[in-house]
Amino acid sequence: MASLLYQQIEMLSREKHIEPEVVVSAIEDAMVVAARKFYKTEEDLRGKFNPETGQVDVYSVVTVVEEVNDPKKEITLAEAKKKNPSAEVGTEILTPKPTDVLGRIAAQTAKQVILQKVREAERDTIFNEYNGRVGELVTVIVKRAEGPDLIVDMGRTEARLPKREQSKLETYNIGERLRVVIKAVDRAAKGPQVIASRADASLVQRLFEMEVPEIYDGTVQIRHAAREAGERTKVAVMSRDKDVDPVGACVGMKGMRVQSIIRELRGEKIDIIPYSEETVAFAQKALSPAKVTRVQIVDPETKKLEVIVEDSQLSLAIGKKGQNVRLASKLIGWDIDIKSEEEKRQEIEAEMTALTAPATPLTALAGVGAKTIEKMEAAGINSVEKLASMTPEQLMEIPGIGEKMVDKIYQAVNRFYESGSEAAAASEGAASTETPEAAADGREEAVAADATEEGSSEVAEAAASG
C-alpha cells in the first residue's frame, strides 16, 4: 500500500498537471541538497524515495576503479570487496547517510528546493501545452488587474492580457467572460507565461471560423486580414467552389453571421472583400466602401500604387485619420498614394507646363548678385520659375543665404514678373548694348548685393560709393 506521503504526491501531481515522478525527483534532490548542506561534504550523494514507507534515504556513492584519482568519488576494487564481495570495476557502492540528524534548517532548505522544482516543472508543462496552441481562440474570465494589464483565468492556468493587446474602445470588468486568442507563450516571464490578445487580427479570423461553416470546412478561405482594434477590420476572402459566394457566405442571411461577430467585437466595423490575385483589382476592392476610378502600378519593386478617385470620393477613400487607406495598404501589402481627379489633372497640367515653358535664367533677376546666383545654382535652382515655386524656408536651407537675402530675392522675383517676360527680355537686349559706364554701375550693384549677403555693410557701402 502506498504511503500517505506518496498519496499526497499523487494529489499534487493531479492539481499541477505534472507527472508524480517529477515530484518524487524533486523530493530526492531536495534531500540531497539538505544532506550536503548539513554534512558539508563534496561526496557524490544520491536520494532514493520509497513509495511504500514514504522514507527518503540518502546515499554516498563511489565508483569502483583500478586506480583512484578522486578518493571522495572513487574506490579501489580491494576496498570495495570488503563492502560488497560481488563488486567489480565500474560497480557503484552505496553507503547510507543518516537523515534523522538533518534538523530544521535542512528541512526548510528541502522545502524550498521542492517548491522550486515543482514550480519549474509546472511552468515547463504549461509552456509545452500552450506553445502549440498559439492562434487558438479560447474563452477566459477577467480575474484581476495589474497596472494597465489584465490577468485572465484560462481554467488550468492564468494568462496576461497586456494593454497593447486590448481593444482601444473596450472596457473590462472583473469576472467578465471574454473571447481571446493565444498570442504567444513566454517561457522567461516571471508571471503568467501565456499572452492573450483581443486586438490581433487572428481573433477576427477565428470568430469567422466559428460563425461561418464554409470557412470551417475550407470551402471559403480567409486570405488576408488587417485590423485596427475597436475601429475597423478588413478581411479578404475567396471561395474554392465557384458556386459559393465568399462574401455572401461571411455576411449570412440578412447579415446575421457578420452581425454576431460585430457584437462580439462591440461594434467594430468589418469590411468583407473578395480576394483577387491581380493587384489592381484587389486594390480597387480593398478601398471599399469608396469607389475607385483607376489604379496604376508606379513601382512593382518597391510595391507602390497610385489610386485615382472622384473628388467626392476622396475623403471616403482616405477614411477617418487615414484609416481606410492604411488598412487597405496593409491588406494588399502595397503602399497606396490616393489622389482625386482634380489633383491628378493639376499635376499633369503642371508637368506639361514645366515641359513646354521656357526656363528663364537667374541672371535675368535685377539686384541679385553673382555669388548668390552661384549658391542657388549649386543647390539645383537653375531658373526663375523654379525659384518662384520655392518657399522662404526652403531658400534659407541653402548655405550662405539668410533671411535678409531671401527678402531681396523675392523682391527681385516680384519685379521680374511685374515687368513681364517681354520687358525682361528687352532689358537683357539693352544690357548687351549698354555703355561701359552703365555696365560698371550694374557690376557695382551686384557686388553690393553679394556684400550685403555676407553681412559686411562696409564693403557694400564702399562698392556703392566707388
Protein backbone atom coordinates (compact mmCIF):
# COMPACT_ATOMS: atom_id res chain seq x y z
CA MET A 1 0.00 0.00 0.00
CA ALA A 2 1.29 3.45 -0.89
CA SER A 3 2.33 5.70 1.98
CA LEU A 4 0.46 8.86 2.95
CA LEU A 5 3.30 10.95 1.51
CA TYR A 6 3.02 9.24 -1.87
CA GLN A 7 -0.76 9.79 -1.89
CA GLN A 8 -0.15 13.50 -1.31
CA ILE A 9 2.41 13.45 -4.13
CA GLU A 10 -0.19 11.99 -6.50
CA MET A 11 -2.74 14.60 -5.39
CA LEU A 12 -0.26 17.42 -6.01
CA SER A 13 0.59 15.96 -9.43
CA ARG A 14 -3.06 15.95 -10.49
CA GLU A 15 -3.53 19.51 -9.24
CA LYS A 16 -0.46 20.87 -11.03
CA HIS A 17 -0.86 18.59 -14.09
CA ILE A 18 2.62 17.16 -13.76
CA GLU A 19 3.86 13.58 -13.51
CA PRO A 20 4.29 12.08 -9.99
CA GLU A 21 7.86 11.10 -10.96
CA VAL A 22 8.67 14.81 -11.27
CA VAL A 23 7.59 15.46 -7.67
CA VAL A 24 9.42 12.35 -6.42
CA SER A 25 12.59 13.50 -8.20
CA ALA A 26 12.19 16.95 -6.62
CA ILE A 27 11.93 15.40 -3.14
CA GLU A 28 15.01 13.23 -3.72
CA ASP A 29 17.01 16.23 -4.98
CA ALA A 30 15.83 18.29 -2.01
CA MET A 31 17.05 15.68 0.48
CA VAL A 32 20.42 15.54 -1.29
CA VAL A 33 20.76 19.34 -1.05
CA ALA A 34 19.80 19.28 2.63
CA ALA A 35 22.26 16.44 3.40
CA ARG A 36 25.12 18.13 1.55
CA LYS A 37 24.45 21.37 3.44
CA PHE A 38 24.40 19.51 6.79
CA TYR A 39 27.42 17.26 6.22
CA LYS A 40 29.38 19.93 4.32
CA THR A 41 30.78 17.28 2.03
CA GLU A 42 31.77 17.08 -1.63
CA GLU A 43 30.84 13.43 -1.89
CA ASP A 44 28.57 12.26 -4.67
CA LEU A 45 25.20 11.95 -2.86
CA ARG A 46 22.04 10.33 -4.18
CA GLY A 47 18.49 10.29 -2.80
CA LYS A 48 16.03 7.42 -3.08
CA PHE A 49 12.31 7.58 -2.26
CA ASN A 50 10.42 4.51 -1.05
CA PRO A 51 6.73 4.79 -2.05
CA GLU A 52 5.69 2.06 0.37
CA THR A 53 7.15 3.63 3.50
CA GLY A 54 7.42 7.26 2.41
CA GLN A 55 11.03 7.24 3.59
CA VAL A 56 13.67 9.20 1.65
CA ASP A 57 17.16 7.74 2.07
CA VAL A 58 20.39 9.47 1.15
CA TYR A 59 23.43 7.51 0.00
CA SER A 60 27.06 8.35 -0.61
CA VAL A 61 28.04 6.93 -3.99
CA VAL A 62 31.54 5.83 -5.01
CA THR A 63 32.60 4.06 -8.20
CA VAL A 64 34.93 1.05 -8.22
CA VAL A 65 38.10 1.77 -10.24
CA GLU A 66 41.51 0.16 -10.69
CA GLU A 67 43.40 3.35 -9.77
CA VAL A 68 41.87 6.03 -7.53
CA ASN A 69 42.20 9.66 -8.67
CA ASP A 70 39.42 11.16 -6.53
CA PRO A 71 39.08 9.44 -3.13
CA LYS A 72 35.74 11.15 -2.45
CA LYS A 73 34.09 9.61 -5.52
CA GLU A 74 36.21 6.54 -6.30
CA ILE A 75 37.30 3.38 -4.50
CA THR A 76 39.71 0.53 -5.27
CA LEU A 77 38.44 -2.93 -6.06
CA ALA A 78 40.07 -4.35 -2.90
CA GLU A 79 38.28 -1.84 -0.66
CA ALA A 80 35.02 -2.42 -2.50
CA LYS A 81 35.25 -6.20 -1.96
CA LYS A 82 35.18 -5.59 1.79
CA LYS A 83 31.81 -3.85 1.48
CA ASN A 84 30.39 -5.90 -1.38
CA PRO A 85 32.10 -9.20 -2.26
CA SER A 86 30.46 -9.19 -5.71
CA ALA A 87 31.83 -5.74 -6.61
CA GLU A 88 33.66 -5.30 -9.89
CA VAL A 89 35.36 -2.42 -11.68
CA GLY A 90 32.63 0.04 -12.67
CA THR A 91 30.25 -1.01 -9.89
CA GLU A 92 28.74 1.72 -7.70
CA ILE A 93 28.97 1.28 -3.93
CA LEU A 94 26.17 2.99 -1.98
CA THR A 95 26.72 3.87 1.67
CA PRO A 96 23.69 5.14 3.65
CA LYS A 97 23.91 8.58 5.29
CA PRO A 98 21.78 9.23 8.39
CA THR A 99 18.92 11.65 7.65
CA ASP A 100 17.34 11.87 11.11
CA VAL A 101 20.04 14.33 12.17
CA LEU A 102 19.45 16.86 9.42
CA GLY A 103 17.35 19.20 11.58
CA ARG A 104 15.02 22.12 10.99
CA ILE A 105 17.28 24.24 8.74
CA ALA A 106 17.90 21.32 6.40
CA ALA A 107 14.15 20.62 6.29
CA GLN A 108 13.47 24.25 5.37
CA THR A 109 16.10 24.02 2.60
CA ALA A 110 14.46 20.85 1.31
CA LYS A 111 11.05 22.54 1.28
CA GLN A 112 12.37 25.45 -0.82
CA VAL A 113 14.01 23.08 -3.30
CA ILE A 114 10.83 21.03 -3.65
CA LEU A 115 8.69 24.13 -4.25
CA GLN A 116 11.15 25.46 -6.83
CA LYS A 117 11.37 22.14 -8.68
CA VAL A 118 7.59 21.72 -8.75
CA ARG A 119 7.14 25.32 -9.95
CA GLU A 120 9.67 24.81 -12.75
CA ALA A 121 8.01 21.55 -13.77
CA GLU A 122 4.60 23.25 -13.81
CA ARG A 123 5.90 26.10 -15.99
CA ASP A 124 7.51 23.62 -18.40
CA THR A 125 4.21 21.74 -18.63
CA ILE A 126 2.28 24.96 -19.36
CA PHE A 127 4.82 26.06 -21.98
CA ASN A 128 4.78 22.70 -23.75
CA GLU A 129 0.98 22.61 -23.79
CA TYR A 130 0.19 26.17 -24.89
CA ASN A 131 3.16 26.76 -27.19
CA GLY A 132 1.45 24.57 -29.76
CA ARG A 133 -1.85 26.41 -29.37
CA VAL A 134 -0.75 29.90 -30.46
CA GLY A 135 -3.54 31.49 -32.54
CA GLU A 136 -6.25 29.38 -30.90
CA LEU A 137 -9.50 31.01 -29.73
CA VAL A 138 -10.24 30.48 -26.02
CA THR A 139 -12.76 31.82 -23.52
CA VAL A 140 -11.32 33.40 -20.38
CA ILE A 141 -12.58 35.18 -17.27
CA VAL A 142 -11.12 38.52 -16.17
CA LYS A 143 -9.51 37.79 -12.80
CA ARG A 144 -7.66 40.93 -11.74
CA ALA A 145 -5.82 44.00 -13.00
CA GLU A 146 -2.07 44.50 -12.68
CA GLY A 147 -1.49 48.10 -13.69
CA PRO A 148 -2.70 48.57 -17.28
CA ASP A 149 -2.55 44.80 -17.91
CA LEU A 150 -5.25 42.26 -17.11
CA ILE A 151 -4.76 38.77 -15.65
CA VAL A 152 -7.35 36.35 -17.03
CA ASP A 153 -8.22 32.83 -15.93
CA MET A 154 -7.94 30.17 -18.63
CA GLY A 155 -9.03 27.32 -16.37
CA ARG A 156 -5.78 25.43 -15.99
CA THR A 157 -3.58 28.48 -15.79
CA GLU A 158 -3.59 32.26 -15.89
CA ALA A 159 -2.81 34.42 -18.91
CA ARG A 160 -1.79 38.03 -19.29
CA LEU A 161 -3.77 40.45 -21.48
CA PRO A 162 -1.34 43.38 -21.96
CA LYS A 163 -2.56 46.90 -22.63
CA ARG A 164 -1.24 46.77 -26.22
CA GLU A 165 -3.35 43.66 -26.86
CA GLN A 166 -6.58 45.22 -25.59
CA SER A 167 -9.11 46.84 -27.91
CA LYS A 168 -8.92 50.63 -27.64
CA LEU A 169 -12.66 51.16 -27.23
CA GLU A 170 -13.36 48.30 -24.80
CA THR A 171 -13.51 48.34 -21.01
CA TYR A 172 -13.33 45.15 -18.95
CA ASN A 173 -14.82 44.24 -15.59
CA ILE A 174 -13.66 41.69 -13.04
CA GLY A 175 -15.49 38.39 -13.60
CA GLU A 176 -16.37 39.22 -17.23
CA ARG A 177 -16.08 36.44 -19.82
CA LEU A 178 -14.03 37.25 -22.91
CA ARG A 179 -13.01 35.52 -26.11
CA VAL A 180 -9.32 35.95 -26.81
CA VAL A 181 -6.66 34.37 -28.98
CA ILE A 182 -3.41 32.97 -27.59
CA LYS A 183 -0.81 35.42 -28.96
CA ALA A 184 2.40 33.92 -27.56
CA VAL A 185 3.89 31.84 -24.75
CA ASP A 186 6.84 33.41 -22.94
CA ARG A 187 8.98 30.88 -21.06
CA ALA A 188 11.05 33.63 -19.41
CA ALA A 189 8.09 35.60 -17.99
CA LYS A 190 8.02 35.96 -14.20
CA GLY A 191 4.22 35.93 -14.03
CA PRO A 192 1.79 34.15 -16.37
CA GLN A 193 3.56 32.75 -19.40
CA VAL A 194 0.59 32.84 -21.79
CA ILE A 195 -0.01 36.15 -23.60
CA ALA A 196 -3.62 36.63 -24.76
CA SER A 197 -4.95 39.20 -27.23
CA ARG A 198 -8.19 40.97 -28.07
CA ALA A 199 -6.51 43.23 -30.66
CA ASP A 200 -4.90 40.73 -33.01
CA ALA A 201 -6.37 40.22 -36.50
CA SER A 202 -6.37 36.47 -35.91
CA LEU A 203 -9.20 36.97 -33.37
CA VAL A 204 -11.50 38.09 -36.20
CA GLN A 205 -10.40 35.13 -38.33
CA ARG A 206 -11.17 32.64 -35.51
CA LEU A 207 -14.58 34.24 -34.95
CA PHE A 208 -15.41 33.89 -38.65
CA GLU A 209 -14.38 30.23 -38.49
CA MET A 210 -16.86 29.72 -35.64
CA GLU A 211 -19.74 31.58 -37.29
CA VAL A 212 -19.27 30.56 -40.95
CA PRO A 213 -19.42 26.80 -41.66
CA GLU A 214 -17.98 27.35 -45.16
CA ILE A 215 -14.78 28.77 -43.62
CA TYR A 216 -14.58 25.99 -41.05
CA ASP A 217 -14.79 23.25 -43.70
CA GLY A 218 -12.38 25.04 -46.05
CA THR A 219 -14.81 25.94 -48.85
CA VAL A 220 -14.19 29.65 -48.16
CA GLN A 221 -10.73 30.83 -47.16
CA ILE A 222 -9.61 34.00 -45.38
CA ARG A 223 -6.55 35.04 -47.35
CA HIS A 224 -5.62 38.23 -45.51
CA ALA A 225 -6.89 40.37 -42.64
CA ALA A 226 -5.93 43.85 -41.49
CA ARG A 227 -7.23 45.33 -38.27
CA GLU A 228 -7.22 48.41 -36.09
CA ALA A 229 -8.79 47.02 -32.95
CA GLY A 230 -12.02 48.63 -31.82
CA GLU A 231 -12.47 50.63 -35.01
CA ARG A 232 -12.28 48.71 -38.29
CA THR A 233 -11.21 45.40 -39.84
CA LYS A 234 -10.79 44.44 -43.48
CA VAL A 235 -10.98 40.74 -44.36
CA ALA A 236 -10.14 39.37 -47.82
CA VAL A 237 -11.93 36.09 -48.62
CA MET A 238 -12.00 33.72 -51.58
CA SER A 239 -14.03 30.61 -52.48
CA ARG A 240 -12.68 27.27 -53.63
CA ASP A 241 -16.12 26.44 -55.05
CA LYS A 242 -17.30 28.61 -57.95
CA ASP A 243 -20.93 28.13 -56.83
CA VAL A 244 -20.27 29.62 -53.37
CA ASP A 245 -20.13 33.39 -52.95
CA PRO A 246 -17.40 34.03 -50.31
CA VAL A 247 -18.69 37.46 -49.31
CA GLY A 248 -22.30 36.29 -49.07
CA ALA A 249 -21.30 33.26 -47.01
CA CYS A 250 -19.49 35.50 -44.49
CA VAL A 251 -22.29 38.07 -44.31
CA GLY A 252 -25.03 35.48 -43.90
CA MET A 253 -28.78 35.82 -44.35
CA LYS A 254 -29.77 39.40 -43.52
CA GLY A 255 -26.24 39.90 -42.20
CA MET A 256 -26.77 37.59 -39.21
CA ARG A 257 -23.31 35.97 -39.30
CA VAL A 258 -21.26 39.14 -39.54
CA GLN A 259 -23.52 40.94 -37.06
CA SER A 260 -22.80 38.24 -34.50
CA ILE A 261 -19.07 38.90 -34.89
CA ILE A 262 -19.59 42.67 -34.73
CA ARG A 263 -21.46 42.25 -31.41
CA GLU A 264 -18.59 40.15 -30.04
CA LEU A 265 -16.16 42.93 -31.08
CA ARG A 266 -18.51 45.51 -29.52
CA GLY A 267 -19.45 47.44 -32.63
CA GLU A 268 -16.22 47.27 -34.61
CA LYS A 269 -16.80 47.81 -38.37
CA ILE A 270 -15.93 44.90 -40.66
CA ASP A 271 -15.34 45.13 -44.42
CA ILE A 272 -15.52 41.78 -46.24
CA ILE A 273 -13.65 41.98 -49.54
CA PRO A 274 -13.35 39.42 -52.36
CA TYR A 275 -9.71 38.42 -52.79
CA SER A 276 -8.02 38.72 -56.19
CA GLU A 277 -4.61 37.59 -57.41
CA GLU A 278 -4.43 40.72 -59.58
CA THR A 279 -3.03 43.61 -57.55
CA VAL A 280 -5.00 46.31 -59.39
CA ALA A 281 -8.35 44.57 -58.95
CA PHE A 282 -7.56 43.70 -55.32
CA ALA A 283 -6.62 47.31 -54.55
CA GLN A 284 -9.92 48.59 -56.01
CA LYS A 285 -11.89 46.24 -53.75
CA ALA A 286 -9.66 46.87 -50.71
CA LEU A 287 -10.53 50.58 -50.65
CA SER A 288 -14.22 49.76 -50.19
CA PRO A 289 -16.63 51.46 -49.49
CA ALA A 290 -15.01 54.14 -51.72
CA LYS A 291 -15.39 53.77 -55.50
CA VAL A 292 -12.05 53.83 -57.32
CA THR A 293 -11.74 55.32 -60.82
CA ARG A 294 -8.45 53.68 -61.73
CA VAL A 295 -5.32 52.11 -60.21
CA GLN A 296 -1.82 52.38 -61.63
CA ILE A 297 1.28 50.45 -60.55
CA VAL A 298 4.01 53.05 -60.01
CA ASP A 299 6.89 50.79 -58.94
CA PRO A 300 6.47 47.00 -58.73
CA GLU A 301 9.81 46.51 -56.93
CA THR A 302 9.00 48.80 -54.00
CA LYS A 303 5.28 47.92 -54.30
CA LYS A 304 3.82 51.37 -54.82
CA LEU A 305 0.38 52.10 -56.28
CA GLU A 306 -1.31 55.30 -57.41
CA VAL A 307 -5.08 55.32 -56.96
CA ILE A 308 -7.35 57.92 -58.59
CA VAL A 309 -10.85 58.55 -57.21
CA GLU A 310 -13.58 61.08 -57.94
CA ASP A 311 -13.37 64.32 -55.98
CA SER A 312 -16.46 63.38 -53.95
CA GLN A 313 -14.94 60.00 -53.03
CA LEU A 314 -11.54 61.25 -51.83
CA SER A 315 -12.39 61.69 -48.14
CA LEU A 316 -14.22 58.35 -48.10
CA ALA A 317 -11.26 56.56 -49.69
CA ILE A 318 -8.79 58.06 -47.23
CA GLY A 319 -11.06 57.45 -44.25
CA LYS A 320 -11.04 58.96 -40.78
CA LYS A 321 -7.44 59.93 -39.95
CA GLY A 322 -6.31 57.91 -42.97
CA GLN A 323 -7.67 54.66 -41.52
CA ASN A 324 -9.30 53.26 -44.69
CA VAL A 325 -6.26 53.68 -46.93
CA ARG A 326 -3.95 52.48 -44.14
CA LEU A 327 -5.88 49.25 -43.66
CA ALA A 328 -6.17 48.72 -47.43
CA SER A 329 -2.42 49.15 -47.79
CA LYS A 330 -1.79 46.63 -45.01
CA LEU A 331 -4.30 44.21 -46.53
CA ILE A 332 -2.77 44.12 -50.02
CA GLY A 333 0.83 44.67 -48.93
CA TRP A 334 1.41 47.70 -51.21
CA ASP A 335 1.93 51.41 -50.49
CA ILE A 336 -1.07 53.38 -51.78
CA ASP A 337 -0.99 57.02 -52.89
CA ILE A 338 -4.55 58.35 -53.30
CA LYS A 339 -5.34 61.37 -55.47
CA SER A 340 -8.57 62.96 -56.65
CA GLU A 341 -9.34 63.54 -60.32
CA GLU A 342 -8.76 67.28 -59.86
CA GLU A 343 -5.42 66.76 -58.12
CA LYS A 344 -4.26 64.42 -60.89
CA ARG A 345 -5.40 66.90 -63.58
CA GLN A 346 -3.48 69.75 -61.92
CA GLU A 347 -0.43 67.54 -61.56
CA ILE A 348 -0.48 66.65 -65.28
CA GLU A 349 -1.00 70.30 -66.25
CA ALA A 350 1.92 71.35 -64.09
CA GLU A 351 4.13 68.71 -65.67
CA MET A 352 3.11 69.78 -69.18
CA THR A 353 3.70 73.43 -68.33
CA ALA A 354 7.11 72.61 -66.92
CA LEU A 355 7.99 70.72 -70.10
CA THR A 356 6.79 73.38 -72.53
CA ALA A 357 7.54 76.62 -70.68
CA PRO A 358 10.96 78.18 -71.40
CA ALA A 359 13.27 78.40 -68.42
CA THR A 360 14.39 81.92 -67.56
CA PRO A 361 17.99 82.06 -66.26
CA LEU A 362 18.61 83.51 -62.80
CA THR A 363 20.80 86.21 -64.35
CA ALA A 364 17.59 87.88 -65.51
CA LEU A 365 16.86 88.91 -61.91
CA ALA A 366 17.95 92.52 -61.33
CA GLY A 367 19.56 93.21 -57.95
CA VAL A 368 20.71 89.62 -57.23
CA GLY A 369 24.48 89.25 -57.11
CA ALA A 370 26.54 86.68 -58.97
CA LYS A 371 27.65 84.93 -55.76
CA THR A 372 24.04 84.48 -54.68
CA ILE A 373 23.17 83.06 -58.08
CA GLU A 374 26.08 80.61 -57.83
CA LYS A 375 24.84 79.39 -54.44
CA MET A 376 21.31 78.86 -55.75
CA GLU A 377 22.55 77.07 -58.86
CA ALA A 378 24.73 74.83 -56.66
CA ALA A 379 21.53 73.91 -54.77
CA GLY A 380 19.84 72.89 -58.05
CA ILE A 381 17.84 76.11 -58.69
CA ASN A 382 18.55 76.94 -62.32
CA SER A 383 15.59 79.06 -63.39
CA VAL A 384 13.45 81.94 -62.18
CA GLU A 385 10.34 79.73 -62.49
CA LYS A 386 11.76 77.12 -60.11
CA LEU A 387 12.91 79.84 -57.73
CA ALA A 388 9.40 81.33 -57.64
CA SER A 389 7.90 77.98 -56.63
CA MET A 390 10.11 77.67 -53.54
CA THR A 391 9.18 78.74 -50.02
CA PRO A 392 11.32 81.09 -47.89
CA GLU A 393 12.13 78.17 -45.57
CA GLN A 394 13.48 76.14 -48.48
CA LEU A 395 15.65 79.04 -49.63
CA MET A 396 17.05 79.59 -46.14
CA GLU A 397 18.22 75.97 -46.11
CA ILE A 398 20.75 76.89 -48.84
CA PRO A 399 24.15 77.57 -47.21
CA GLY A 400 25.06 81.27 -47.20
CA ILE A 401 21.55 82.64 -47.76
CA GLY A 402 19.97 84.40 -44.81
CA GLU A 403 16.62 85.98 -44.08
CA LYS A 404 17.52 89.42 -45.49
CA MET A 405 18.83 87.91 -48.72
CA VAL A 406 15.63 85.87 -49.07
CA ASP A 407 13.61 89.10 -48.93
CA LYS A 408 15.78 90.66 -51.65
CA ILE A 409 15.44 87.55 -53.83
CA TYR A 410 11.65 87.63 -53.57
CA GLN A 411 11.58 91.35 -54.31
CA ALA A 412 13.65 90.69 -57.44
CA VAL A 413 11.33 87.83 -58.46
CA ASN A 414 8.26 90.04 -57.96
CA ARG A 415 9.79 92.84 -60.05
CA PHE A 416 10.61 90.33 -62.77
CA TYR A 417 7.02 89.08 -63.02
CA GLU A 418 5.52 92.57 -62.66
CA SER A 419 7.58 93.90 -65.52
CA GLY A 420 6.61 90.88 -67.66
CA SER A 421 8.74 88.45 -69.54
CA GLU A 422 8.82 90.71 -72.60
CA ALA A 423 10.19 93.62 -70.61
CA ALA A 424 12.72 91.31 -69.04
CA ALA A 425 13.84 90.16 -72.49
CA ALA A 426 14.05 93.77 -73.67
CA SER A 427 16.15 94.71 -70.66
CA GLU A 428 18.52 91.85 -71.46
CA GLY A 429 18.87 93.18 -75.01
CA ALA A 430 19.53 96.67 -73.71
CA ALA A 431 22.11 95.31 -71.30
CA SER A 432 24.06 93.85 -74.20
CA THR A 433 24.37 97.33 -75.78
CA GLU A 434 24.90 99.37 -72.65
CA THR A 435 27.72 101.85 -72.25
CA PRO A 436 30.81 100.96 -70.24
CA GLU A 437 29.64 103.35 -67.56
CA ALA A 438 26.26 101.61 -67.23
CA ALA A 439 27.91 98.18 -67.15
CA ALA A 440 30.17 99.38 -64.39
CA ASP A 441 27.12 100.61 -62.43
CA GLY A 442 25.48 97.18 -62.82
CA ARG A 443 28.56 95.41 -61.57
CA GLU A 444 28.67 97.73 -58.62
CA GLU A 445 25.05 96.86 -57.73
CA ALA A 446 25.79 93.11 -57.92
CA VAL A 447 28.89 93.45 -55.75
CA ALA A 448 26.87 95.45 -53.22
CA ALA A 449 24.19 92.72 -53.10
CA ASP A 450 26.76 90.00 -52.51
CA ALA A 451 28.50 92.00 -49.86
CA THR A 452 25.21 92.57 -48.03
CA GLU A 453 24.52 88.84 -48.17
CA GLU A 454 27.85 88.15 -46.46
CA GLY A 455 26.87 90.59 -43.69
CA SER A 456 29.51 93.23 -44.45
CA SER A 457 27.72 96.59 -44.75
CA GLU A 458 31.01 98.48 -45.04
CA VAL A 459 32.00 96.63 -48.21
CA ALA A 460 28.54 97.26 -49.66
CA GLU A 461 28.72 100.99 -48.98
CA ALA A 462 32.24 101.22 -50.45
CA ALA A 463 31.13 99.42 -53.60
CA ALA A 464 28.11 101.67 -54.00
CA SER A 465 30.10 104.87 -53.48
CA GLY A 466 33.02 103.63 -55.66
